[in-house]
Amino acid sequence: MDTFECIDIPRAETLIAEGAVVVDIRDPQSYQQKHIKNAIHLNNETLHDFIQSADMDDPVIVCCYHGFSSQSAAGFLLQQGFDQVYSLDGGFELWQASRPDLCDKS
């Protein structure tokens, strides 16, 4: 995959069930209040460790507030060597509205 793909919630659920990693790039307070279950909070402080420890072959789904900032972050992760990177259409706001049972608090 040379470019990231924007995906909808059903596709994201399938990828998560198959082992995709979800990274949440929202601010720390928003992440702590609620996030997609098992999502990893990714920011400038945690990015280096994530890249060092992640399996570059595992699919990564990037989640932001509404699905816009995640596109830039997805492109960045591709440049770092990840093979399969996706941006979640609608971001966390749409996910929370349609899948509240698949959200967690820190």
PDB file of N, CA and C in Angstrom:
ATOM      1  N   MET A   1       0.858  -1.182   0.000  1.00  0.00           N
ATOM      2  CA  MET A   1       0.000   0.000   0.000  1.00  0.00           C
ATOM      3  C   MET A   1       0.898   1.237   0.000  1.00  0.00           C
ATOM      4  N   ASP A   2       0.781   2.061  -1.017  1.00  0.00           N
ATOM      5  CA  ASP A   2       1.606   3.262  -1.121  1.00  0.00           C
ATOM      6  C   ASP A   2       0.941   4.476  -0.504  1.00  0.00           C
ATOM      7  N   THR A   3      -0.339   4.375  -0.276  1.00  0.00           N
ATOM      8  CA  THR A   3      -1.076   5.488   0.304  1.00  0.00           C
ATOM      9  C   THR A   3      -2.046   4.922   1.339  1.00  0.00           C
ATOM     10  N   PHE A   4      -2.477   5.774   2.239  1.00  0.00           N
ATOM     11  CA  PHE A   4      -3.449   5.320   3.232  1.00  0.00           C
ATOM     12  C   PHE A   4      -4.830   5.269   2.585  1.00  0.00           C
ATOM     13  N   GLU A   5      -5.733   4.578   3.257  1.00  0.00           N
ATOM     14  CA  GLU A   5      -7.098   4.445   2.766  1.00  0.00           C
ATOM     15  C   GLU A   5      -8.056   4.967   3.826  1.00  0.00           C
ATOM     16  N   CYS A   6      -9.029   5.747   3.421  1.00  0.00           N
ATOM     17  CA  CYS A   6     -10.078   6.189   4.337  1.00  0.00           C
ATOM     18  C   CYS A   6     -11.123   5.080   4.404  1.00  0.00           C
ATOM     19  N   ILE A   7     -11.468   4.673   5.624  1.00  0.00           N
ATOM     20  CA  ILE A   7     -12.391   3.549   5.778  1.00  0.00           C
ATOM     21  C   ILE A   7     -13.561   3.938   6.674  1.00  0.00           C
ATOM     22  N   ASP A   8     -14.681   3.239   6.461  1.00  0.00           N
ATOM     23  CA  ASP A   8     -15.865   3.474   7.287  1.00  0.00           C
ATOM     24  C   ASP A   8     -15.823   2.584   8.528  1.00  0.00           C
ATOM     25  N   ILE A   9     -16.777   2.765   9.396  1.00  0.00           N
ATOM     26  CA  ILE A   9     -16.792   2.039  10.665  1.00  0.00           C
ATOM     27  C   ILE A   9     -16.913   0.522  10.478  1.00  0.00           C
ATOM     28  N   PRO A  10     -17.810   0.021   9.621  1.00  0.00           N
ATOM     29  CA  PRO A  10     -17.860  -1.443   9.460  1.00  0.00           C
ATOM     30  C   PRO A  10     -16.520  -2.041   9.001  1.00  0.00           C
ATOM     31  N   ARG A  11     -15.842  -1.364   8.094  1.00  0.00           N
ATOM     32  CA  ARG A  11     -14.528  -1.857   7.629  1.00  0.00           C
ATOM     33  C   ARG A  11     -13.518  -1.797   8.773  1.00  0.00           C
ATOM     34  N   ALA A  12     -13.572  -0.737   9.567  1.00  0.00           N
ATOM     35  CA  ALA A  12     -12.665  -0.618  10.715  1.00  0.00           C
ATOM     36  C   ALA A  12     -12.914  -1.754  11.708  1.00  0.00           C
ATOM     37  N   GLU A  13     -14.173  -2.065  11.958  1.00  0.00           N
ATOM     38  CA  GLU A  13     -14.492  -3.156  12.889  1.00  0.00           C
ATOM     39  C   GLU A  13     -13.921  -4.477  12.398  1.00  0.00           C
ATOM     40  N   THR A  14     -14.022  -4.715  11.094  1.00  0.00           N
ATOM     41  CA  THR A  14     -13.472  -5.948  10.514  1.00  0.00           C
ATOM     42  C   THR A  14     -11.961  -5.993  10.710  1.00  0.00           C
ATOM     43  N   LEU A  15     -11.296  -4.884  10.404  1.00  0.00           N
ATOM     44  CA  LEU A  15      -9.839  -4.835  10.553  1.00  0.00           C
ATOM     45  C   LEU A  15      -9.418  -5.010  12.010  1.00  0.00           C
ATOM     46  N   ILE A  16     -10.155  -4.406  12.933  1.00  0.00           N
ATOM     47  CA  ILE A  16      -9.848  -4.547  14.356  1.00  0.00           C
ATOM     48  C   ILE A  16     -10.002  -6.004  14.777  1.00  0.00           C
ATOM     49  N   ALA A  17     -11.049  -6.650  14.312  1.00  0.00           N
ATOM     50  CA  ALA A  17     -11.264  -8.064  14.634  1.00  0.00           C
ATOM     51  C   ALA A  17     -10.134  -8.932  14.079  1.00  0.00           C
ATOM     52  N   GLU A  18      -9.520  -8.472  13.001  1.00  0.00           N
ATOM     53  CA  GLU A  18      -8.410  -9.208  12.382  1.00  0.00           C
ATOM     54  C   GLU A  18      -7.053  -8.819  12.960  1.00  0.00           C
ATOM     55  N   GLY A  19      -7.049  -7.932  13.954  1.00  0.00           N
ATOM     56  CA  GLY A  19      -5.804  -7.593  14.637  1.00  0.00           C
ATOM     57  C   GLY A  19      -5.214  -6.225  14.358  1.00  0.00           C
ATOM     58  N   ALA A  20      -5.952  -5.353  13.671  1.00  0.00           N
ATOM     59  CA  ALA A  20      -5.439  -4.003  13.415  1.00  0.00           C
ATOM     60  C   ALA A  20      -5.266  -3.245  14.731  1.00  0.00           C
ATOM     61  N   VAL A  21      -4.276  -2.377  14.749  1.00  0.00           N
ATOM     62  CA  VAL A  21      -4.005  -1.508  15.895  1.00  0.00           C
ATOM     63  C   VAL A  21      -4.712  -0.177  15.644  1.00  0.00           C
ATOM     64  N   VAL A  22      -5.401   0.333  16.670  1.00  0.00           N
ATOM     65  CA  VAL A  22      -6.044   1.646  16.565  1.00  0.00           C
ATOM     66  C   VAL A  22      -5.202   2.644  17.339  1.00  0.00           C
ATOM     67  N   VAL A  23      -4.841   3.750  16.671  1.00  0.00           N
ATOM     68  CA  VAL A  23      -4.139   4.835  17.354  1.00  0.00           C
ATOM     69  C   VAL A  23      -5.030   6.068  17.342  1.00  0.00           C
ATOM     70  N   ASP A  24      -5.114   6.711  18.486  1.00  0.00           N
ATOM     71  CA  ASP A  24      -5.978   7.872  18.691  1.00  0.00           C
ATOM     72  C   ASP A  24      -5.079   9.097  18.846  1.00  0.00           C
ATOM     73  N   ILE A  25      -5.229  10.077  17.951  1.00  0.00           N
ATOM     74  CA  ILE A  25      -4.345  11.246  17.979  1.00  0.00           C
ATOM     75  C   ILE A  25      -5.006  12.482  18.593  1.00  0.00           C
ATOM     76  N   ARG A  26      -6.150  12.301  19.231  1.00  0.00           N
ATOM     77  CA  ARG A  26      -6.806  13.443  19.878  1.00  0.00           C
ATOM     78  C   ARG A  26      -6.011  13.882  21.105  1.00  0.00           C
ATOM     79  N   ASP A  27      -6.396  15.002  21.706  1.00  0.00           N
ATOM     80  CA  ASP A  27      -5.669  15.499  22.873  1.00  0.00           C
ATOM     81  C   ASP A  27      -5.824  14.527  24.049  1.00  0.00           C
ATOM     82  N   PRO A  28      -4.875  14.561  24.992  1.00  0.00           N
ATOM     83  CA  PRO A  28      -4.893  13.587  26.099  1.00  0.00           C
ATOM     84  C   PRO A  28      -6.183  13.586  26.912  1.00  0.00           C
ATOM     85  N   GLN A  29      -6.774  14.773  27.150  1.00  0.00           N
ATOM     86  CA  GLN A  29      -8.001  14.837  27.956  1.00  0.00           C
ATOM     87  C   GLN A  29      -9.151  14.129  27.243  1.00  0.00           C
ATOM     88  N   SER A  30      -9.287  14.359  25.946  1.00  0.00           N
ATOM     89  CA  SER A  30     -10.356  13.706  25.185  1.00  0.00           C
ATOM     90  C   SER A  30     -10.159  12.197  25.168  1.00  0.00           C
ATOM     91  N   TYR A  31      -8.918  11.766  24.969  1.00  0.00           N
ATOM     92  CA  TYR A  31      -8.615  10.332  24.963  1.00  0.00           C
ATOM     93  C   TYR A  31      -8.972   9.705  26.301  1.00  0.00           C
ATOM     94  N   GLN A  32      -8.597  10.364  27.404  1.00  0.00           N
ATOM     95  CA  GLN A  32      -8.875   9.817  28.730  1.00  0.00           C
ATOM     96  C   GLN A  32     -10.367   9.740  29.013  1.00  0.00           C
ATOM     97  N   GLN A  33     -11.126  10.717  28.520  1.00  0.00           N
ATOM     98  CA  GLN A  33     -12.570  10.710  28.760  1.00  0.00           C
ATOM     99  C   GLN A  33     -13.232   9.523  28.075  1.00  0.00           C
ATOM    100  N   LYS A  34     -12.840   9.270  26.830  1.00  0.00           N
ATOM    101  CA  LYS A  34     -13.407   8.139  26.099  1.00  0.00           C
ATOM    102  C   LYS A  34     -12.636   7.935  24.813  1.00  0.00           C
ATOM    103  N   HIS A  35     -12.449   6.653  24.446  1.00  0.00           N
ATOM    104  CA  HIS A  35     -11.747   6.298  23.215  1.00  0.00           C
ATOM    105  C   HIS A  35     -12.219   4.926  22.739  1.00  0.00           C
ATOM    106  N   ILE A  36     -11.862   4.575  21.529  1.00  0.00           N
ATOM    107  CA  ILE A  36     -12.168   3.247  21.005  1.00  0.00           C
ATOM    108  C   ILE A  36     -11.445   2.223  21.876  1.00  0.00           C
ATOM    109  N   LYS A  37     -12.118   1.139  22.225  1.00  0.00           N
ATOM    110  CA  LYS A  37     -11.521   0.109  23.069  1.00  0.00           C
ATOM    111  C   LYS A  37     -10.168  -0.321  22.509  1.00  0.00           C
ATOM    112  N   ASN A  38      -9.193  -0.415  23.415  1.00  0.00           N
ATOM    113  CA  ASN A  38      -7.826  -0.858  23.112  1.00  0.00           C
ATOM    114  C   ASN A  38      -7.032   0.104  22.236  1.00  0.00           C
ATOM    115  N   ALA A  39      -7.555   1.303  21.995  1.00  0.00           N
ATOM    116  CA  ALA A  39      -6.810   2.274  21.194  1.00  0.00           C
ATOM    117  C   ALA A  39      -5.584   2.764  21.977  1.00  0.00           C
ATOM    118  N   ILE A  40      -4.528   3.029  21.238  1.00  0.00           N
ATOM    119  CA  ILE A  40      -3.297   3.560  21.812  1.00  0.00           C
ATOM    120  C   ILE A  40      -3.297   5.068  21.586  1.00  0.00           C
ATOM    121  N   HIS A  41      -3.048   5.826  22.665  1.00  0.00           N
ATOM    122  CA  HIS A  41      -2.987   7.283  22.500  1.00  0.00           C
ATOM    123  C   HIS A  41      -1.639   7.632  21.883  1.00  0.00           C
ATOM    124  N   LEU A  42      -1.685   8.327  20.768  1.00  0.00           N
ATOM    125  CA  LEU A  42      -0.471   8.687  20.043  1.00  0.00           C
ATOM    126  C   LEU A  42      -0.340  10.202  19.996  1.00  0.00           C
ATOM    127  N   ASN A  43       0.775  10.705  20.531  1.00  0.00           N
ATOM    128  CA  ASN A  43       1.064  12.137  20.463  1.00  0.00           C
ATOM    129  C   ASN A  43       2.568  12.299  20.288  1.00  0.00           C
ATOM    130  N   ASN A  44       3.056  13.519  20.328  1.00  0.00           N
ATOM    131  CA  ASN A  44       4.485  13.751  20.105  1.00  0.00           C
ATOM    132  C   ASN A  44       5.366  13.021  21.117  1.00  0.00           C
ATOM    133  N   GLU A  45       4.864  12.855  22.342  1.00  0.00           N
ATOM    134  CA  GLU A  45       5.649  12.186  23.381  1.00  0.00           C
ATOM    135  C   GLU A  45       5.688  10.670  23.195  1.00  0.00           C
ATOM    136  N   THR A  46       4.633  10.079  22.667  1.00  0.00           N
ATOM    137  CA  THR A  46       4.558   8.615  22.566  1.00  0.00           C
ATOM    138  C   THR A  46       4.896   8.079  21.174  1.00  0.00           C
ATOM    139  N   LEU A  47       4.995   8.977  20.210  1.00  0.00           N
ATOM    140  CA  LEU A  47       5.193   8.559  18.815  1.00  0.00           C
ATOM    141  C   LEU A  47       6.460   7.729  18.616  1.00  0.00           C
ATOM    142  N   HIS A  48       7.584   8.192  19.139  1.00  0.00           N
ATOM    143  CA  HIS A  48       8.856   7.490  18.939  1.00  0.00           C
ATOM    144  C   HIS A  48       8.784   6.064  19.475  1.00  0.00           C
ATOM    145  N   ASP A  49       8.287   5.901  20.705  1.00  0.00           N
ATOM    146  CA  ASP A  49       8.186   4.568  21.296  1.00  0.00           C
ATOM    147  C   ASP A  49       7.245   3.680  20.499  1.00  0.00           C
ATOM    148  N   PHE A  50       6.144   4.257  20.019  1.00  0.00           N
ATOM    149  CA  PHE A  50       5.201   3.473  19.225  1.00  0.00           C
ATOM    150  C   PHE A  50       5.873   2.958  17.955  1.00  0.00           C
ATOM    151  N   ILE A  51       6.581   3.839  17.263  1.00  0.00           N
ATOM    152  CA  ILE A  51       7.239   3.430  16.019  1.00  0.00           C
ATOM    153  C   ILE A  51       8.300   2.372  16.296  1.00  0.00           C
ATOM    154  N   GLN A  52       9.027   2.518  17.399  1.00  0.00           N
ATOM    155  CA  GLN A  52      10.079   1.550  17.738  1.00  0.00           C
ATOM    156  C   GLN A  52       9.516   0.179  18.092  1.00  0.00           C
ATOM    157  N   SER A  53       8.360   0.148  18.747  1.00  0.00           N
ATOM    158  CA  SER A  53       7.838  -1.124  19.258  1.00  0.00           C
ATOM    159  C   SER A  53       6.789  -1.767  18.355  1.00  0.00           C
ATOM    160  N   ALA A  54       6.234  -1.018  17.426  1.00  0.00           N
ATOM    161  CA  ALA A  54       5.140  -1.538  16.593  1.00  0.00           C
ATOM    162  C   ALA A  54       5.657  -2.504  15.529  1.00  0.00           C
ATOM    163  N   ASP A  55       4.805  -3.421  15.152  1.00  0.00           N
ATOM    164  CA  ASP A  55       5.080  -4.304  14.020  1.00  0.00           C
ATOM    165  C   ASP A  55       4.617  -3.560  12.773  1.00  0.00           C
ATOM    166  N   MET A  56       5.550  -3.205  11.915  1.00  0.00           N
ATOM    167  CA  MET A  56       5.236  -2.407  10.725  1.00  0.00           C
ATOM    168  C   MET A  56       4.308  -3.130   9.753  1.00  0.00           C
ATOM    169  N   ASP A  57       4.170  -4.435   9.920  1.00  0.00           N
ATOM    170  CA  ASP A  57       3.292  -5.220   9.046  1.00  0.00           C
ATOM    171  C   ASP A  57       1.843  -5.229   9.520  1.00  0.00           C
ATOM    172  N   ASP A  58       1.617  -4.877  10.795  1.00  0.00           N
ATOM    173  CA  ASP A  58       0.246  -4.859  11.322  1.00  0.00           C
ATOM    174  C   ASP A  58      -0.506  -3.653  10.762  1.00  0.00           C
ATOM    175  N   PRO A  59      -1.766  -3.839  10.388  1.00  0.00           N
ATOM    176  CA  PRO A  59      -2.566  -2.691   9.946  1.00  0.00           C
ATOM    177  C   PRO A  59      -2.759  -1.700  11.093  1.00  0.00           C
ATOM    178  N   VAL A  60      -2.739  -0.406  10.771  1.00  0.00           N
ATOM    179  CA  VAL A  60      -2.926   0.651  11.759  1.00  0.00           C
ATOM    180  C   VAL A  60      -4.087   1.525  11.303  1.00  0.00           C
ATOM    181  N   ILE A  61      -5.031   1.761  12.216  1.00  0.00           N
ATOM    182  CA  ILE A  61      -6.162   2.650  11.953  1.00  0.00           C
ATOM    183  C   ILE A  61      -5.948   3.909  12.786  1.00  0.00           C
ATOM    184  N   VAL A  62      -5.900   5.059  12.121  1.00  0.00           N
ATOM    185  CA  VAL A  62      -5.702   6.329  12.817  1.00  0.00           C
ATOM    186  C   VAL A  62      -7.065   6.991  13.034  1.00  0.00           C
ATOM    187  N   CYS A  63      -7.290   7.409  14.271  1.00  0.00           N
ATOM    188  CA  CYS A  63      -8.550   8.033  14.662  1.00  0.00           C
ATOM    189  C   CYS A  63      -8.274   9.411  15.245  1.00  0.00           C
ATOM    190  N   CYS A  64      -9.046  10.402  14.793  1.00  0.00           N
ATOM    191  CA  CYS A  64      -8.977  11.747  15.371  1.00  0.00           C
ATOM    192  C   CYS A  64     -10.404  12.129  15.774  1.00  0.00           C
ATOM    193  N   TYR A  65     -10.730  13.402  15.791  1.00  0.00           N
ATOM    194  CA  TYR A  65     -12.078  13.833  16.175  1.00  0.00           C
ATOM    195  C   TYR A  65     -13.111  13.538  15.091  1.00  0.00           C
ATOM    196  N   HIS A  66     -12.837  14.001  13.856  1.00  0.00           N
ATOM    197  CA  HIS A  66     -13.834  13.911  12.791  1.00  0.00           C
ATOM    198  C   HIS A  66     -13.332  13.247  11.512  1.00  0.00           C
ATOM    199  N   GLY A  67     -12.099  12.778  11.501  1.00  0.00           N
ATOM    200  CA  GLY A  67     -11.588  12.073  10.332  1.00  0.00           C
ATOM    201  C   GLY A  67     -10.752  12.909   9.388  1.00  0.00           C
ATOM    202  N   PHE A  68     -10.346  14.100   9.805  1.00  0.00           N
ATOM    203  CA  PHE A  68      -9.537  14.959   8.933  1.00  0.00           C
ATOM    204  C   PHE A  68      -8.061  14.932   9.331  1.00  0.00           C
ATOM    205  N   SER A  69      -7.757  15.235  10.593  1.00  0.00           N
ATOM    206  CA  SER A  69      -6.363  15.215  11.059  1.00  0.00           C
ATOM    207  C   SER A  69      -5.750  13.825  10.935  1.00  0.00           C
ATOM    208  N   SER A  70      -6.583  12.813  11.051  1.00  0.00           N
ATOM    209  CA  SER A  70      -6.073  11.440  10.965  1.00  0.00           C
ATOM    210  C   SER A  70      -5.483  11.146   9.590  1.00  0.00           C
ATOM    211  N   GLN A  71      -5.926  11.867   8.563  1.00  0.00           N
ATOM    212  CA  GLN A  71      -5.389  11.631   7.224  1.00  0.00           C
ATOM    213  C   GLN A  71      -3.925  12.055   7.147  1.00  0.00           C
ATOM    214  N   SER A  72      -3.579  13.198   7.734  1.00  0.00           N
ATOM    215  CA  SER A  72      -2.181  13.632   7.768  1.00  0.00           C
ATOM    216  C   SER A  72      -1.339  12.662   8.581  1.00  0.00           C
ATOM    217  N   ALA A  73      -1.866  12.236   9.718  1.00  0.00           N
ATOM    218  CA  ALA A  73      -1.131  11.304  10.574  1.00  0.00           C
ATOM    219  C   ALA A  73      -0.942   9.958   9.871  1.00  0.00           C
ATOM    220  N   ALA A  74      -1.959   9.511   9.142  1.00  0.00           N
ATOM    221  CA  ALA A  74      -1.854   8.247   8.406  1.00  0.00           C
ATOM    222  C   ALA A  74      -0.753   8.340   7.352  1.00  0.00           C
ATOM    223  N   GLY A  75      -0.690   9.454   6.650  1.00  0.00           N
ATOM    224  CA  GLY A  75       0.364   9.663   5.661  1.00  0.00           C
ATOM    225  C   GLY A  75       1.742   9.649   6.307  1.00  0.00           C
ATOM    226  N   PHE A  76       1.848  10.254   7.477  1.00  0.00           N
ATOM    227  CA  PHE A  76       3.116  10.271   8.204  1.00  0.00           C
ATOM    228  C   PHE A  76       3.545   8.854   8.593  1.00  0.00           C
ATOM    229  N   LEU A  77       2.607   8.064   9.102  1.00  0.00           N
ATOM    230  CA  LEU A  77       2.946   6.692   9.510  1.00  0.00           C
ATOM    231  C   LEU A  77       3.396   5.856   8.308  1.00  0.00           C
ATOM    232  N   LEU A  78       2.779   6.077   7.163  1.00  0.00           N
ATOM    233  CA  LEU A  78       3.241   5.391   5.953  1.00  0.00           C
ATOM    234  C   LEU A  78       4.692   5.752   5.658  1.00  0.00           C
ATOM    235  N   GLN A  79       5.024   7.031   5.791  1.00  0.00           N
ATOM    236  CA  GLN A  79       6.396   7.484   5.540  1.00  0.00           C
ATOM    237  C   GLN A  79       7.385   6.863   6.524  1.00  0.00           C
ATOM    238  N   GLN A  80       6.899   6.489   7.711  1.00  0.00           N
ATOM    239  CA  GLN A  80       7.776   5.871   8.714  1.00  0.00           C
ATOM    240  C   GLN A  80       7.998   4.387   8.456  1.00  0.00           C
ATOM    241  N   GLY A  81       7.276   3.833   7.479  1.00  0.00           N
ATOM    242  CA  GLY A  81       7.506   2.435   7.116  1.00  0.00           C
ATOM    243  C   GLY A  81       6.368   1.469   7.394  1.00  0.00           C
ATOM    244  N   PHE A  82       5.249   1.963   7.912  1.00  0.00           N
ATOM    245  CA  PHE A  82       4.110   1.072   8.128  1.00  0.00           C
ATOM    246  C   PHE A  82       3.531   0.670   6.771  1.00  0.00           C
ATOM    247  N   ASP A  83       3.108  -0.589   6.661  1.00  0.00           N
ATOM    248  CA  ASP A  83       2.639  -1.115   5.380  1.00  0.00           C
ATOM    249  C   ASP A  83       1.177  -0.793   5.089  1.00  0.00           C
ATOM    250  N   GLN A  84       0.328  -0.918   6.099  1.00  0.00           N
ATOM    251  CA  GLN A  84      -1.111  -0.736   5.905  1.00  0.00           C
ATOM    252  C   GLN A  84      -1.618   0.284   6.914  1.00  0.00           C
ATOM    253  N   VAL A  85      -1.974   1.461   6.423  1.00  0.00           N
ATOM    254  CA  VAL A  85      -2.452   2.520   7.310  1.00  0.00           C
ATOM    255  C   VAL A  85      -3.803   3.016   6.804  1.00  0.00           C
ATOM    256  N   TYR A  86      -4.727   3.207   7.738  1.00  0.00           N
ATOM    257  CA  TYR A  86      -6.088   3.620   7.412  1.00  0.00           C
ATOM    258  C   TYR A  86      -6.470   4.836   8.247  1.00  0.00           C
ATOM    259  N   SER A  87      -7.319   5.671   7.700  1.00  0.00           N
ATOM    260  CA  SER A  87      -7.884   6.806   8.416  1.00  0.00           C
ATOM    261  C   SER A  87      -9.372   6.526   8.611  1.00  0.00           C
ATOM    262  N   LEU A  88      -9.850   6.690   9.835  1.00  0.00           N
ATOM    263  CA  LEU A  88     -11.249   6.392  10.154  1.00  0.00           C
ATOM    264  C   LEU A  88     -12.148   7.552   9.750  1.00  0.00           C
ATOM    265  N   ASP A  89     -12.988   7.334   8.746  1.00  0.00           N
ATOM    266  CA  ASP A  89     -13.956   8.348   8.317  1.00  0.00           C
ATOM    267  C   ASP A  89     -14.891   8.699   9.472  1.00  0.00           C
ATOM    268  N   GLY A  90     -15.101   9.987   9.686  1.00  0.00           N
ATOM    269  CA  GLY A  90     -15.997  10.428  10.754  1.00  0.00           C
ATOM    270  C   GLY A  90     -15.331  10.497  12.100  1.00  0.00           C
ATOM    271  N   GLY A  91     -14.146   9.930  12.227  1.00  0.00           N
ATOM    272  CA  GLY A  91     -13.373   9.975  13.457  1.00  0.00           C
ATOM    273  C   GLY A  91     -14.088   9.407  14.665  1.00  0.00           C
ATOM    274  N   PHE A  92     -13.582   9.778  15.838  1.00  0.00           N
ATOM    275  CA  PHE A  92     -14.145   9.251  17.069  1.00  0.00           C
ATOM    276  C   PHE A  92     -15.576   9.706  17.288  1.00  0.00           C
ATOM    277  N   GLU A  93     -15.910  10.903  16.847  1.00  0.00           N
ATOM    278  CA  GLU A  93     -17.265  11.412  17.061  1.00  0.00           C
ATOM    279  C   GLU A  93     -18.306  10.487  16.422  1.00  0.00           C
ATOM    280  N   LEU A  94     -18.059  10.067  15.192  1.00  0.00           N
ATOM    281  CA  LEU A  94     -18.999   9.167  14.522  1.00  0.00           C
ATOM    282  C   LEU A  94     -18.959   7.776  15.152  1.00  0.00           C
ATOM    283  N   TRP A  95     -17.765   7.313  15.505  1.00  0.00           N
ATOM    284  CA  TRP A  95     -17.619   6.003  16.147  1.00  0.00           C
ATOM    285  C   TRP A  95     -18.423   5.975  17.451  1.00  0.00           C
ATOM    286  N   GLN A  96     -18.251   7.000  18.280  1.00  0.00           N
ATOM    287  CA  GLN A  96     -18.948   7.045  19.565  1.00  0.00           C
ATOM    288  C   GLN A  96     -20.464   7.092  19.380  1.00  0.00           C
ATOM    289  N   ALA A  97     -20.915   7.823  18.359  1.00  0.00           N
ATOM    290  CA  ALA A  97     -22.351   7.930  18.105  1.00  0.00           C
ATOM    291  C   ALA A  97     -22.947   6.609  17.630  1.00  0.00           C
ATOM    292  N   SER A  98     -22.173   5.839  16.866  1.00  0.00           N
ATOM    293  CA  SER A  98     -22.730   4.619  16.295  1.00  0.00           C
ATOM    294  C   SER A  98     -22.300   3.348  17.018  1.00  0.00           C
ATOM    295  N   ARG A  99     -21.227   3.404  17.770  1.00  0.00           N
ATOM    296  CA  ARG A  99     -20.711   2.210  18.483  1.00  0.00           C
ATOM    297  C   ARG A  99     -20.342   2.532  19.926  1.00  0.00           C
ATOM    298  N   PRO A 100     -21.261   3.108  20.717  1.00  0.00           N
ATOM    299  CA  PRO A 100     -20.915   3.491  22.094  1.00  0.00           C
ATOM    300  C   PRO A 100     -20.459   2.298  22.935  1.00  0.00           C
ATOM    301  N   ASP A 101     -20.913   1.104  22.588  1.00  0.00           N
ATOM    302  CA  ASP A 101     -20.540  -0.089  23.346  1.00  0.00           C
ATOM    303  C   ASP A 101     -19.074  -0.479  23.095  1.00  0.00           C
ATOM    304  N   LEU A 102     -18.464   0.088  22.072  1.00  0.00           N
ATOM    305  CA  LEU A 102     -17.074  -0.231  21.749  1.00  0.00           C
ATOM    306  C   LEU A 102     -16.136   0.919  22.120  1.00  0.00           C
ATOM    307  N   CYS A 103     -16.533   1.675  23.171  1.00  0.00           N
ATOM    308  CA  CYS A 103     -15.714   2.763  23.673  1.00  0.00           C
ATOM    309  C   CYS A 103     -15.308   2.468  25.113  1.00  0.00           C
ATOM    310  N   ASP A 104     -14.190   3.032  25.514  1.00  0.00           N
ATOM    311  CA  ASP A 104     -13.641   2.831  26.856  1.00  0.00           C
ATOM    312  C   ASP A 104     -13.179   4.154  27.442  1.00  0.00           C
ATOM    313  N   LYS A 105     -13.041   4.180  28.758  1.00  0.00           N
ATOM    314  CA  LYS A 105     -12.441   5.327  29.446  1.00  0.00           C
ATOM    315  C   LYS A 105     -11.083   4.871  29.961  1.00  0.00           C
ATOM    316  N   SER A 106     -10.171   5.837  30.118  1.00  0.00           N
ATOM    317  CA  SER A 106      -8.848   5.494  30.668  1.00  0.00           C
ATOM    318  C   SER A 106      -8.926   5.371  32.175  1.00  0.00           C
TER     319      SER A 106
END
